Amino acid sequence: MKERILTSLLTVFAITGLQAQTMPPAPRLVVGLTIDQLRADYIEAFSALYGERGFKRLLREGRVYANAEFDFINMDRSSATAAIYTGTSPYYNGIPGNRWMDRTTLRMVNSVDDPAYMGVYTSESTSPKYLQVSTLSDELMVATQGAAEVYSIAPTREMAVLSAGHAAKGAFWLNDTNGKWGGTTYYGTFPEWVSNYNDREGLDFRINSMVWRPYHPVTAYQYVTSSSRQVDFKHDFSDERYEKYRKFKTSPYVNAEVNRLAEACLNNTPIGKDGIPDLLTLSYYAGNYGHKSNAELSMEIQDVYVRLDNSIAELLDLIDRKVGLKNTLIFITSTGYADPDAPDPAEFRVPGGEFHIKRCAALLNMYLMAIYGPGQYVETYFDRQIYLNHKLIEDRKLDLVEIMGRASEFVVQMSGVQNAYSAQRLLLGSWTPKIEKIRNTYNPGRSGDIYIEVMPGWSVVDESSHQAKVVRDVYTSSPVVFMGYGVKPQILYTPVKMAAIVPTLAHFMRIRAPNACPVPPMIDICK
C-alpha cells in the first residue's frame, strides 16, 4: 500500500515538474504600465472605436480585475504611483501628493525635489529622497545584488522617479522646456543610449511638424461625455511656443514617445535577455488636452482613448518581438483619479458653493486668539489642511491636542464643511472606514494638523492659483490587468486592493515584497 502511494506521489511530482518546465522559473522581464487618469468606464464607453490589438486584446488574453481600489483618498499622480510601487499608503511611504507644505520653510515642496542632485538634459534637481520605504525596483536590485536591469520612463518626473525607486539604473522623463528625455545624477552616469536618442531622435526635432487631428472620421465620435457637439479639432504644437512641450505631454502623442524610448531601451541594454528578472516601468497619459474638462473637449477625450488603444497595441507587439510575452509579466493600471470637472451649471440647481481655505485659516486664527491671546496660531494652510504653529503653542505651554480639538470644532461649523479631523483623532481616535482612508492619506511629517472634509458638490478654491476643484466623493475603481507569462485570462469584478500588485509581482519574481507592503500576493493569476 505504501509503495503504491509513494509511486503515485512520484508520478504527480514528475508530471507537475514537466508542466512547470513549460514556463521559466521567473519572468525575464516585468513591465509595469501606469496610465495617468485612466478611467475604467471610458475604456468601456469608447470600445466601438478600438482595434483588436489593444484594449480588446487585454480583455481576451489578460487577467482583468475591473475593480481595484486605493486604500486612501485624494490621489494624484505622485501619491498613486508611490502607492502602486511600494504597496502601501502615504502614511508609510511618505508621498501624500505632488506637493505639500514644508513646515520648516513654509514653502511648497515637490514630491521628487532634491537640490543635492543635478538634472541631466534638465534644470530640475531630482531624487526619490522623500520616498520613505522600499519599492519593487529596490527589492529586485537587492535580491540580484545589482545585476538586474531596472529603468523607468514616464512623461513626468514624478511618475518616472517614484516608479524607479531608490536603486534603479535610470529614470527618464520629458523636459518641459526642451523636449529632451531628462534624468538625474542620483542614479549615476546618464546612459549613453538615452543621450544618443536625444541627439538623433529627440522630440524637439519633430514637434513643430506634429498636428493632432481626430484619428477616426468625426462622425464616429458619439459625444458621450457632453451634450455639446464639436465639429472637429486641430492642435498644432508649434503654435504653443514656450508651452508646447507641456501641452504635448497632455496629448495622446506623448504615449508614443514613451514607446519610442522603451524600444531604444530594449535595443540598447541587456534588459530581458538573460535569466535574471529585469524591470521596466512605463507611464502613459489618459487625461484631456491641457487638463481641460471632458465636457469642454468631448471629442479630444475620445480620441485620447483611441490613440491610447493604439499605443498599448504597439507596446505589446514590441515586447513580444524583443523578449516574448511568455517570458514577460505585464501589468497595466491607473492612477485612480481624474482632473476635476467644472462646477455644474447654476440652471440645474445642484447644491454646492465655494470653500476658501485662506478665509477659513484667517477666521480660525481669530477664534484661537480670542481664547488663547494674540498670536499667529495658524502657521499656514494648503489644499484642505491647516498647519498650526507648534513653536508658539509650545513656547506658551499650551496643550496642542486641546487646540487641535477646539480648531476642529470651530472649522466644522463653517459653510461647506462636512467634517474636520485633527491629527490626534486620525492617529488615536476610534476607527471607522472613512477615518482609515483619511489616515492612510495623512503623513505625520508632511500633512497638516487639521484635515477638512468639504461637502460633495462644493468647490475648494486655491487663492494663489485662482483655481477651483469640485469635490466629488464617489466610489472610484480602476482596472488592473496582468498579461503574459502564462497568465490565465479572466475578467473578475470582485474588488481587489492596488497594494496587491507589487507583492504579486514579487512572488513571481521570487523576491521579497517591498518592506512596508502588508497585503498578500494574488498567486492564482498564472496557469
Protein backbone atom coordinates (compact mmCIF):
# COMPACT_ATOMS: atom_id res chain seq x y z
CA MET A 1 0.00 0.00 0.00
CA LYS A 2 2.77 2.43 0.98
CA GLU A 3 4.65 1.59 -2.21
CA ARG A 4 1.56 2.40 -4.32
CA ILE A 5 1.10 5.74 -2.52
CA LEU A 6 4.78 6.60 -2.96
CA THR A 7 4.65 5.66 -6.64
CA SER A 8 1.55 7.83 -7.13
CA LEU A 9 3.19 10.82 -5.42
CA LEU A 10 6.32 10.46 -7.54
CA THR A 11 4.15 10.34 -10.66
CA VAL A 12 2.33 13.52 -9.60
CA PHE A 13 5.62 15.31 -8.89
CA ALA A 14 7.06 14.17 -12.22
CA ILE A 15 4.03 15.39 -14.18
CA THR A 16 3.95 18.66 -12.24
CA GLY A 17 7.64 19.12 -12.92
CA LEU A 18 7.18 18.57 -16.64
CA GLN A 19 4.34 21.09 -16.71
CA ALA A 20 6.41 23.61 -14.77
CA GLN A 21 9.20 23.36 -17.32
CA THR A 22 6.97 24.95 -19.96
CA MET A 23 7.37 28.30 -18.15
CA PRO A 24 10.62 29.92 -16.98
CA PRO A 25 11.05 29.79 -13.17
CA ALA A 26 10.67 33.59 -13.10
CA PRO A 27 9.76 36.09 -15.82
CA ARG A 28 12.77 37.50 -17.63
CA LEU A 29 11.11 40.88 -17.68
CA VAL A 30 8.37 42.58 -15.70
CA VAL A 31 6.76 45.58 -17.38
CA GLY A 32 4.61 47.92 -15.32
CA LEU A 33 2.43 50.38 -17.24
CA THR A 34 0.76 53.05 -15.09
CA ILE A 35 -1.70 55.15 -17.07
CA ASP A 36 -2.34 58.54 -15.52
CA GLN A 37 -6.08 59.25 -15.18
CA LEU A 38 -7.20 56.07 -16.96
CA ARG A 39 -10.94 55.57 -16.37
CA ALA A 40 -12.49 52.11 -16.46
CA ASP A 41 -15.86 53.50 -17.57
CA TYR A 42 -14.26 55.26 -20.55
CA ILE A 43 -12.50 52.08 -21.64
CA GLU A 44 -15.94 50.53 -21.98
CA ALA A 45 -17.75 53.61 -23.30
CA PHE A 46 -15.40 54.09 -26.26
CA SER A 47 -14.93 50.40 -27.10
CA ALA A 48 -16.59 50.71 -30.52
CA LEU A 49 -13.65 52.88 -31.61
CA TYR A 50 -10.90 50.38 -30.75
CA GLY A 51 -8.94 47.95 -32.88
CA GLU A 52 -8.29 44.32 -31.96
CA ARG A 53 -4.72 44.58 -30.64
CA GLY A 54 -5.04 46.95 -27.67
CA PHE A 55 -7.78 47.00 -25.05
CA LYS A 56 -9.66 44.16 -26.73
CA ARG A 57 -6.54 42.00 -26.68
CA LEU A 58 -6.09 42.74 -22.98
CA LEU A 59 -9.67 41.62 -22.35
CA ARG A 60 -9.14 38.42 -24.38
CA GLU A 61 -5.69 37.42 -23.12
CA GLY A 62 -5.30 39.21 -19.80
CA ARG A 63 -6.45 38.65 -16.26
CA VAL A 64 -8.59 41.72 -15.67
CA TYR A 65 -9.52 42.95 -12.22
CA ALA A 66 -12.19 45.52 -13.03
CA ASN A 67 -12.43 46.99 -9.53
CA ALA A 68 -9.06 47.73 -7.96
CA GLU A 69 -9.12 50.23 -5.11
CA PHE A 70 -6.63 52.53 -3.45
CA ASP A 71 -6.97 52.50 0.33
CA PHE A 72 -6.59 56.28 0.68
CA ILE A 73 -8.24 59.40 -0.75
CA ASN A 74 -7.26 62.44 -2.84
CA MET A 75 -4.96 60.51 -5.17
CA ASP A 76 -2.81 62.34 -7.69
CA ARG A 77 -0.03 61.11 -9.94
CA SER A 78 2.64 61.16 -7.19
CA SER A 79 0.70 59.56 -4.36
CA ALA A 80 -0.86 56.95 -6.64
CA THR A 81 2.44 56.00 -8.31
CA ALA A 82 4.23 55.74 -4.98
CA ALA A 83 1.41 53.60 -3.57
CA ILE A 84 1.46 51.23 -6.56
CA TYR A 85 5.20 50.55 -6.41
CA THR A 86 5.57 50.46 -2.62
CA GLY A 87 2.36 48.53 -1.96
CA THR A 88 1.41 50.88 0.86
CA SER A 89 -0.26 54.22 1.57
CA PRO A 90 1.15 57.75 2.02
CA TYR A 91 1.04 57.26 5.78
CA TYR A 92 4.01 54.90 5.41
CA ASN A 93 5.61 55.73 2.05
CA GLY A 94 5.87 59.48 2.70
CA ILE A 95 4.31 60.73 -0.55
CA PRO A 96 0.90 62.33 0.23
CA GLY A 97 0.73 64.23 -3.07
CA ASN A 98 2.52 66.01 -5.89
CA ARG A 99 3.25 68.84 -3.46
CA TRP A 100 2.97 69.54 0.23
CA MET A 101 3.87 72.28 2.69
CA ASP A 102 7.30 72.13 4.33
CA ARG A 103 6.78 73.16 7.96
CA THR A 104 10.37 74.32 8.42
CA THR A 105 10.43 76.71 5.46
CA LEU A 106 6.68 77.30 4.93
CA ARG A 107 7.27 76.70 1.25
CA MET A 108 5.78 74.17 -1.13
CA VAL A 109 7.86 71.05 -1.85
CA ASN A 110 7.57 68.87 -4.92
CA SER A 111 7.49 65.13 -4.24
CA VAL A 112 10.81 64.49 -6.03
CA ASP A 113 12.70 67.76 -5.50
CA ASP A 114 16.26 67.39 -4.20
CA PRO A 115 18.87 70.15 -4.66
CA ALA A 116 21.64 67.65 -3.84
CA TYR A 117 21.41 66.08 -7.32
CA MET A 118 21.73 67.81 -10.69
CA GLY A 119 19.44 67.26 -13.61
CA VAL A 120 20.69 65.85 -16.91
CA TYR A 121 19.11 67.43 -20.01
CA THR A 122 17.02 69.39 -17.49
CA SER A 123 17.49 72.02 -14.80
CA GLU A 124 15.29 70.08 -12.34
CA SER A 125 17.20 68.77 -9.32
CA THR A 126 15.62 65.45 -8.54
CA SER A 127 15.78 62.31 -6.41
CA PRO A 128 13.42 59.93 -4.55
CA LYS A 129 14.63 61.13 -1.12
CA TYR A 130 11.11 61.72 0.20
CA LEU A 131 10.14 58.10 -0.50
CA GLN A 132 10.43 56.54 2.96
CA VAL A 133 10.14 52.82 2.16
CA SER A 134 11.41 50.37 -0.43
CA THR A 135 9.84 49.83 -3.84
CA LEU A 136 9.62 46.80 -6.13
CA SER A 137 12.68 48.01 -8.03
CA ASP A 138 14.67 48.37 -4.79
CA GLU A 139 13.85 44.82 -3.72
CA LEU A 140 14.79 43.48 -7.15
CA MET A 141 18.15 45.23 -7.10
CA VAL A 142 18.87 43.96 -3.58
CA ALA A 143 17.86 40.40 -4.50
CA THR A 144 20.08 40.35 -7.59
CA GLN A 145 22.94 42.30 -5.95
CA GLY A 146 22.56 45.00 -8.58
CA ALA A 147 22.62 42.64 -11.56
CA ALA A 148 19.04 43.36 -12.66
CA GLU A 149 18.32 45.94 -15.35
CA VAL A 150 15.81 48.41 -13.94
CA TYR A 151 14.65 51.50 -15.84
CA SER A 152 11.69 53.86 -15.63
CA ILE A 153 10.24 56.01 -18.43
CA ALA A 154 7.38 58.50 -17.97
CA PRO A 155 6.12 61.83 -19.32
CA THR A 156 6.53 63.44 -15.88
CA ARG A 157 9.45 63.26 -13.49
CA GLU A 158 7.25 62.41 -10.51
CA MET A 159 5.96 59.23 -12.13
CA ALA A 160 9.40 58.34 -13.53
CA VAL A 161 11.26 58.69 -10.22
CA LEU A 162 8.63 57.25 -7.89
CA SER A 163 8.29 54.20 -10.16
CA ALA A 164 12.07 53.80 -10.28
CA GLY A 165 12.53 54.00 -6.52
CA HIS A 166 15.93 54.34 -4.87
CA ALA A 167 18.02 51.73 -6.65
CA ALA A 168 17.08 51.74 -10.36
CA LYS A 169 19.71 52.25 -13.06
CA GLY A 170 17.83 55.17 -14.58
CA ALA A 171 14.63 57.22 -14.58
CA PHE A 172 13.77 59.39 -17.59
CA TRP A 173 11.09 62.00 -18.24
CA LEU A 174 10.29 64.59 -20.92
CA ASN A 175 11.70 68.02 -20.14
CA ASP A 176 9.02 70.73 -20.23
CA THR A 177 11.28 73.32 -21.84
CA ASN A 178 13.38 71.48 -24.43
CA GLY A 179 11.57 68.20 -25.15
CA LYS A 180 14.60 66.06 -24.31
CA TRP A 181 14.46 62.96 -22.14
CA GLY A 182 15.87 64.23 -18.85
CA GLY A 183 17.24 62.43 -15.83
CA THR A 184 19.14 62.98 -12.61
CA THR A 185 22.67 62.34 -11.37
CA TYR A 186 21.12 60.49 -8.42
CA TYR A 187 21.02 57.30 -10.50
CA GLY A 188 24.65 57.60 -11.55
CA THR A 189 26.05 58.09 -15.03
CA PHE A 190 23.42 59.08 -17.57
CA PRO A 191 23.15 56.24 -20.12
CA GLU A 192 24.77 56.85 -23.49
CA TRP A 193 21.84 55.28 -25.31
CA VAL A 194 19.48 57.96 -23.95
CA SER A 195 21.92 60.72 -24.92
CA ASN A 196 22.18 59.26 -28.42
CA TYR A 197 18.39 59.16 -28.67
CA ASN A 198 18.13 62.81 -27.56
CA ASP A 199 20.80 63.89 -30.04
CA ARG A 200 19.41 61.97 -33.02
CA GLU A 201 15.70 61.31 -32.48
CA GLY A 202 14.60 63.79 -29.82
CA LEU A 203 11.08 65.19 -29.79
CA ASP A 204 12.43 68.69 -30.38
CA PHE A 205 13.38 67.69 -33.94
CA ARG A 206 9.81 66.63 -34.75
CA ILE A 207 7.33 68.56 -32.64
CA ASN A 208 6.93 71.56 -34.96
CA SER A 209 5.61 69.31 -37.72
CA MET A 210 3.22 67.37 -35.46
CA VAL A 211 -0.51 68.11 -35.63
CA TRP A 212 -3.17 66.32 -33.60
CA ARG A 213 -6.33 65.69 -35.57
CA PRO A 214 -9.07 63.07 -34.98
CA TYR A 215 -7.88 59.53 -35.70
CA HIS A 216 -11.32 58.46 -36.98
CA PRO A 217 -13.79 60.43 -39.08
CA VAL A 218 -15.54 62.88 -36.78
CA THR A 219 -18.88 61.11 -37.34
CA ALA A 220 -17.50 58.11 -35.40
CA TYR A 221 -17.44 60.02 -32.12
CA GLN A 222 -20.64 59.77 -30.09
CA TYR A 223 -20.25 62.67 -27.63
CA VAL A 224 -20.88 60.52 -24.60
CA THR A 225 -19.06 62.97 -22.30
CA SER A 226 -21.01 66.08 -23.30
CA SER A 227 -24.17 67.23 -24.99
CA SER A 228 -22.31 69.99 -26.87
CA ARG A 229 -21.20 68.76 -30.27
CA GLN A 230 -17.78 69.54 -31.68
CA VAL A 231 -17.38 69.81 -35.43
CA ASP A 232 -13.66 68.98 -35.44
CA PHE A 233 -10.42 69.79 -33.65
CA LYS A 234 -6.83 70.57 -34.52
CA HIS A 235 -3.90 71.13 -32.16
CA ASP A 236 -0.63 72.39 -33.65
CA PHE A 237 2.11 72.25 -31.01
CA SER A 238 4.38 74.61 -32.92
CA ASP A 239 1.94 77.43 -32.10
CA GLU A 240 2.36 76.95 -28.36
CA ARG A 241 5.88 78.44 -28.20
CA TYR A 242 7.11 78.18 -24.59
CA GLU A 243 4.25 75.89 -23.56
CA LYS A 244 4.44 73.46 -26.45
CA TYR A 245 6.12 70.61 -24.57
CA ARG A 246 3.82 70.97 -21.56
CA LYS A 247 0.81 70.88 -23.88
CA PHE A 248 2.29 67.98 -25.84
CA LYS A 249 2.55 65.99 -22.60
CA THR A 250 -1.23 66.29 -22.20
CA SER A 251 -1.85 64.85 -25.67
CA PRO A 252 -2.03 61.13 -26.55
CA TYR A 253 1.09 61.55 -28.70
CA VAL A 254 3.19 61.51 -25.53
CA ASN A 255 2.41 57.80 -25.13
CA ALA A 256 4.01 57.09 -28.50
CA GLU A 257 7.11 58.95 -27.30
CA VAL A 258 7.27 56.70 -24.24
CA ASN A 259 7.09 53.69 -26.56
CA ARG A 260 9.93 55.07 -28.68
CA LEU A 261 12.29 55.36 -25.71
CA ALA A 262 11.15 51.96 -24.39
CA GLU A 263 12.18 50.46 -27.73
CA ALA A 264 15.56 52.19 -27.50
CA CYS A 265 15.95 50.69 -24.02
CA LEU A 266 15.13 47.18 -25.26
CA ASN A 267 17.53 47.60 -28.19
CA ASN A 268 20.48 49.07 -26.30
CA THR A 269 20.52 47.36 -22.89
CA PRO A 270 20.59 43.70 -21.77
CA ILE A 271 17.09 44.07 -20.33
CA GLY A 272 15.04 40.87 -20.66
CA LYS A 273 17.85 38.93 -22.29
CA ASP A 274 19.02 36.59 -19.50
CA GLY A 275 17.66 34.52 -16.62
CA ILE A 276 17.83 37.38 -14.11
CA PRO A 277 14.46 39.15 -13.83
CA ASP A 278 14.52 42.75 -15.03
CA LEU A 279 12.02 45.57 -14.55
CA LEU A 280 10.82 48.26 -16.94
CA THR A 281 8.26 50.72 -15.58
CA LEU A 282 6.39 52.92 -18.05
CA SER A 283 3.77 55.62 -17.67
CA TYR A 284 1.18 56.93 -20.12
CA TYR A 285 -1.27 59.84 -20.00
CA ALA A 286 -5.05 59.43 -20.48
CA GLY A 287 -6.38 62.79 -19.30
CA ASN A 288 -7.74 65.51 -21.53
CA TYR A 289 -5.73 68.04 -23.52
CA GLY A 290 -4.40 70.94 -21.47
CA HIS A 291 -6.17 69.46 -18.41
CA LYS A 292 -9.46 70.76 -19.78
CA SER A 293 -12.73 69.18 -18.69
CA ASN A 294 -14.09 66.26 -20.70
CA ALA A 295 -17.32 68.16 -21.27
CA GLU A 296 -15.38 71.04 -22.81
CA LEU A 297 -13.27 68.85 -25.12
CA SER A 298 -15.51 65.84 -25.63
CA MET A 299 -14.07 64.75 -28.96
CA GLU A 300 -10.48 65.01 -27.75
CA ILE A 301 -11.00 62.67 -24.78
CA GLN A 302 -12.49 60.03 -27.07
CA ASP A 303 -9.57 60.37 -29.43
CA VAL A 304 -7.20 60.07 -26.45
CA TYR A 305 -8.60 56.60 -25.76
CA VAL A 306 -8.44 55.61 -29.42
CA ARG A 307 -4.77 56.54 -29.61
CA LEU A 308 -4.14 55.02 -26.17
CA ASP A 309 -5.55 51.77 -27.57
CA ASN A 310 -3.03 52.01 -30.42
CA SER A 311 -0.12 52.74 -28.07
CA ILE A 312 -0.95 49.73 -25.90
CA ALA A 313 -1.12 47.56 -29.02
CA GLU A 314 2.27 48.81 -30.22
CA LEU A 315 3.79 48.22 -26.77
CA LEU A 316 2.50 44.63 -26.59
CA ASP A 317 3.85 43.91 -30.07
CA LEU A 318 7.19 45.48 -29.17
CA ILE A 319 7.60 43.37 -26.04
CA ASP A 320 6.56 40.23 -27.89
CA ARG A 321 9.17 40.87 -30.60
CA LYS A 322 12.02 41.78 -28.28
CA VAL A 323 11.51 39.49 -25.26
CA GLY A 324 8.41 37.37 -25.87
CA LEU A 325 5.18 37.69 -23.95
CA LYS A 326 5.64 34.21 -22.46
CA ASN A 327 8.85 35.49 -20.85
CA THR A 328 7.30 38.76 -19.69
CA LEU A 329 4.83 39.52 -16.91
CA ILE A 330 2.98 42.74 -17.71
CA PHE A 331 0.65 44.72 -15.52
CA ILE A 332 -1.40 47.76 -16.52
CA THR A 333 -3.25 50.01 -14.12
CA SER A 334 -4.39 53.58 -13.45
CA THR A 335 -3.53 56.37 -11.04
CA GLY A 336 -7.18 56.30 -9.97
CA TYR A 337 -8.08 59.99 -10.27
CA ALA A 338 -9.04 62.45 -12.98
CA ASP A 339 -8.75 66.20 -13.43
CA PRO A 340 -11.77 67.79 -11.73
CA ASP A 341 -14.89 68.67 -13.64
CA ALA A 342 -16.16 72.22 -13.83
CA PRO A 343 -18.93 73.23 -11.39
CA ASP A 344 -22.40 72.22 -12.51
CA PRO A 345 -24.33 74.97 -14.34
CA ALA A 346 -26.42 77.08 -11.97
CA GLU A 347 -29.57 76.42 -14.01
CA PHE A 348 -29.68 72.82 -12.74
CA ARG A 349 -29.65 73.93 -9.09
CA VAL A 350 -27.28 71.18 -7.92
CA PRO A 351 -26.33 72.07 -4.30
CA GLY A 352 -22.85 73.50 -3.96
CA GLY A 353 -20.75 76.51 -3.13
CA GLU A 354 -17.18 77.68 -2.68
CA PHE A 355 -14.89 76.83 0.22
CA HIS A 356 -11.94 79.21 0.62
CA ILE A 357 -9.16 77.68 2.71
CA LYS A 358 -7.46 81.08 3.13
CA ARG A 359 -10.58 82.60 4.68
CA CYS A 360 -11.04 79.51 6.83
CA ALA A 361 -7.48 79.83 8.18
CA ALA A 362 -7.94 83.54 8.94
CA LEU A 363 -11.21 83.01 10.82
CA LEU A 364 -9.72 80.08 12.76
CA ASN A 365 -6.76 82.20 13.83
CA MET A 366 -9.08 84.96 15.08
CA TYR A 367 -11.04 82.37 17.06
CA LEU A 368 -7.90 80.93 18.67
CA MET A 369 -6.63 84.43 19.53
CA ALA A 370 -9.91 85.14 21.29
CA ILE A 371 -9.30 82.09 23.51
CA TYR A 372 -5.52 81.99 23.96
CA GLY A 373 -4.42 85.58 23.38
CA PRO A 374 -2.71 87.37 20.49
CA GLY A 375 -0.51 85.33 18.14
CA GLN A 376 -0.28 83.53 14.81
CA TYR A 377 -1.70 80.17 15.84
CA VAL A 378 -2.38 79.12 12.25
CA GLU A 379 1.03 78.98 10.67
CA THR A 380 -0.04 78.15 7.13
CA TYR A 381 -2.55 76.18 5.05
CA PHE A 382 -2.62 74.10 1.87
CA ASP A 383 -5.44 72.47 -0.09
CA ARG A 384 -7.80 71.28 2.71
CA GLN A 385 -5.25 71.25 5.52
CA ILE A 386 -4.48 73.65 8.37
CA TYR A 387 -0.97 73.77 9.87
CA LEU A 388 -0.79 75.06 13.44
CA ASN A 389 2.18 76.96 14.87
CA HIS A 390 3.75 74.27 17.07
CA LYS A 391 6.57 76.53 18.29
CA LEU A 392 4.21 79.27 19.51
CA ILE A 393 1.99 76.71 21.20
CA GLU A 394 5.00 75.08 22.89
CA ASP A 395 6.51 78.42 23.96
CA ARG A 396 3.23 79.40 25.63
CA LYS A 397 2.98 75.99 27.26
CA LEU A 398 -0.41 75.35 25.68
CA ASP A 399 -1.90 71.93 25.02
CA LEU A 400 -1.58 71.12 21.29
CA VAL A 401 -4.18 68.34 21.48
CA GLU A 402 -6.68 70.71 23.10
CA ILE A 403 -6.07 73.37 20.46
CA MET A 404 -6.49 70.84 17.64
CA GLY A 405 -9.79 69.75 19.18
CA ARG A 406 -11.09 73.33 19.53
CA ALA A 407 -9.94 74.14 15.99
CA SER A 408 -11.77 71.12 14.57
CA GLU A 409 -14.96 72.03 16.45
CA PHE A 410 -14.79 75.59 15.07
CA VAL A 411 -14.00 74.68 11.47
CA VAL A 412 -16.78 72.09 11.22
CA GLN A 413 -19.34 74.88 11.72
CA MET A 414 -18.28 76.68 8.52
CA SER A 415 -20.35 76.55 5.36
CA GLY A 416 -19.40 73.69 3.06
CA VAL A 417 -17.55 71.71 5.73
CA GLN A 418 -18.73 68.14 6.25
CA ASN A 419 -16.23 67.26 8.97
CA ALA A 420 -12.84 68.25 10.35
CA TYR A 421 -10.28 65.73 11.57
CA SER A 422 -7.40 66.58 13.87
CA ALA A 423 -4.14 64.67 13.61
CA GLN A 424 -4.85 63.33 17.12
CA ARG A 425 -8.24 61.98 16.02
CA LEU A 426 -6.78 60.36 12.91
CA LEU A 427 -3.95 58.67 14.78
CA LEU A 428 -5.60 57.70 18.06
CA GLY A 429 -9.34 58.15 17.63
CA SER A 430 -11.98 55.47 17.19
CA TRP A 431 -11.86 53.56 13.92
CA THR A 432 -14.28 53.96 11.04
CA PRO A 433 -13.77 53.00 7.38
CA LYS A 434 -13.70 56.68 6.37
CA ILE A 435 -11.21 57.62 9.09
CA GLU A 436 -8.97 54.77 7.98
CA LYS A 437 -8.85 56.11 4.42
CA ILE A 438 -8.16 59.64 5.60
CA ARG A 439 -5.50 58.35 7.99
CA ASN A 440 -3.84 56.44 5.16
CA THR A 441 -3.69 59.72 3.22
CA TYR A 442 -2.13 61.52 6.17
CA ASN A 443 1.64 61.54 6.70
CA PRO A 444 2.86 62.63 10.15
CA GLY A 445 5.85 64.58 8.83
CA ARG A 446 4.18 66.27 5.87
CA SER A 447 0.48 66.70 6.46
CA GLY A 448 -1.37 69.41 8.37
CA ASP A 449 -2.80 69.30 11.89
CA ILE A 450 -6.40 69.62 10.70
CA TYR A 451 -7.83 67.88 7.63
CA ILE A 452 -11.07 69.46 6.38
CA GLU A 453 -13.63 67.30 4.63
CA VAL A 454 -15.52 69.55 2.22
CA MET A 455 -19.07 68.64 1.22
CA PRO A 456 -19.62 66.98 -2.19
CA GLY A 457 -20.53 69.46 -4.91
CA TRP A 458 -18.61 72.30 -3.27
CA SER A 459 -15.50 73.81 -4.86
CA VAL A 460 -12.24 74.16 -2.96
CA VAL A 461 -10.77 77.48 -4.08
CA ASP A 462 -6.99 77.92 -4.28
CA GLU A 463 -6.46 81.67 -3.87
CA SER A 464 -2.87 81.55 -5.12
CA SER A 465 -3.70 79.91 -8.47
CA HIS A 466 -7.32 81.14 -8.64
CA GLN A 467 -8.41 77.59 -9.46
CA ALA A 468 -11.39 75.77 -8.00
CA LYS A 469 -11.59 72.00 -7.56
CA VAL A 470 -15.04 70.49 -7.32
CA VAL A 471 -15.34 67.80 -4.64
CA ARG A 472 -16.92 64.57 -5.85
CA ASP A 473 -17.00 61.94 -3.12
CA VAL A 474 -17.86 58.99 -5.35
CA TYR A 475 -16.66 55.42 -5.49
CA THR A 476 -13.61 55.21 -7.71
CA SER A 477 -12.33 51.96 -9.14
CA SER A 478 -9.50 51.36 -11.53
CA PRO A 479 -8.66 48.37 -13.69
CA VAL A 480 -5.64 46.16 -13.11
CA VAL A 481 -4.64 43.85 -15.95
CA PHE A 482 -1.99 41.12 -15.82
CA MET A 483 -0.80 39.63 -19.10
CA GLY A 484 1.93 37.33 -20.43
CA TYR A 485 3.96 34.73 -18.52
CA GLY A 486 1.22 32.09 -18.53
CA VAL A 487 -1.43 34.42 -17.09
CA LYS A 488 -4.91 32.84 -17.02
CA PRO A 489 -7.35 35.03 -18.99
CA GLN A 490 -10.37 36.02 -16.92
CA ILE A 491 -12.43 39.10 -16.08
CA LEU A 492 -13.09 39.48 -12.36
CA TYR A 493 -15.34 42.06 -10.72
CA THR A 494 -14.56 41.27 -7.08
CA PRO A 495 -12.79 44.32 -5.59
CA VAL A 496 -9.03 43.98 -5.01
CA LYS A 497 -6.50 46.32 -3.46
CA MET A 498 -3.99 48.25 -5.55
CA ALA A 499 -1.46 47.37 -2.88
CA ALA A 500 -1.67 43.72 -4.01
CA ILE A 501 0.09 44.45 -7.32
CA VAL A 502 3.69 44.57 -6.10
CA PRO A 503 3.55 41.55 -3.76
CA THR A 504 2.06 39.60 -6.68
CA LEU A 505 4.90 40.64 -8.96
CA ALA A 506 7.46 39.96 -6.21
CA HIS A 507 6.01 36.46 -5.74
CA PHE A 508 6.54 35.58 -9.38
CA MET A 509 9.97 37.26 -9.49
CA ARG A 510 10.99 35.16 -6.43
CA ILE A 511 11.98 38.21 -4.40
CA ARG A 512 10.73 39.94 -1.26
CA ALA A 513 7.81 42.33 -1.38
CA PRO A 514 8.60 45.99 -0.52
CA ASN A 515 9.28 46.48 3.18
CA ALA A 516 6.04 48.31 4.07
CA CYS A 517 3.63 46.23 1.97
CA PRO A 518 1.10 44.43 4.24
CA VAL A 519 -1.05 42.84 1.51
CA PRO A 520 -0.69 39.19 0.38
CA PRO A 521 0.01 38.38 -3.28
CA MET A 522 -2.59 37.16 -5.75
CA ILE A 523 -0.89 33.85 -6.53
CA ASP A 524 -3.58 32.31 -8.74
CA ILE A 525 -3.12 34.54 -11.77
CA CYS A 526 -0.93 32.13 -13.79
CA LYS A 527 -1.63 28.70 -15.25
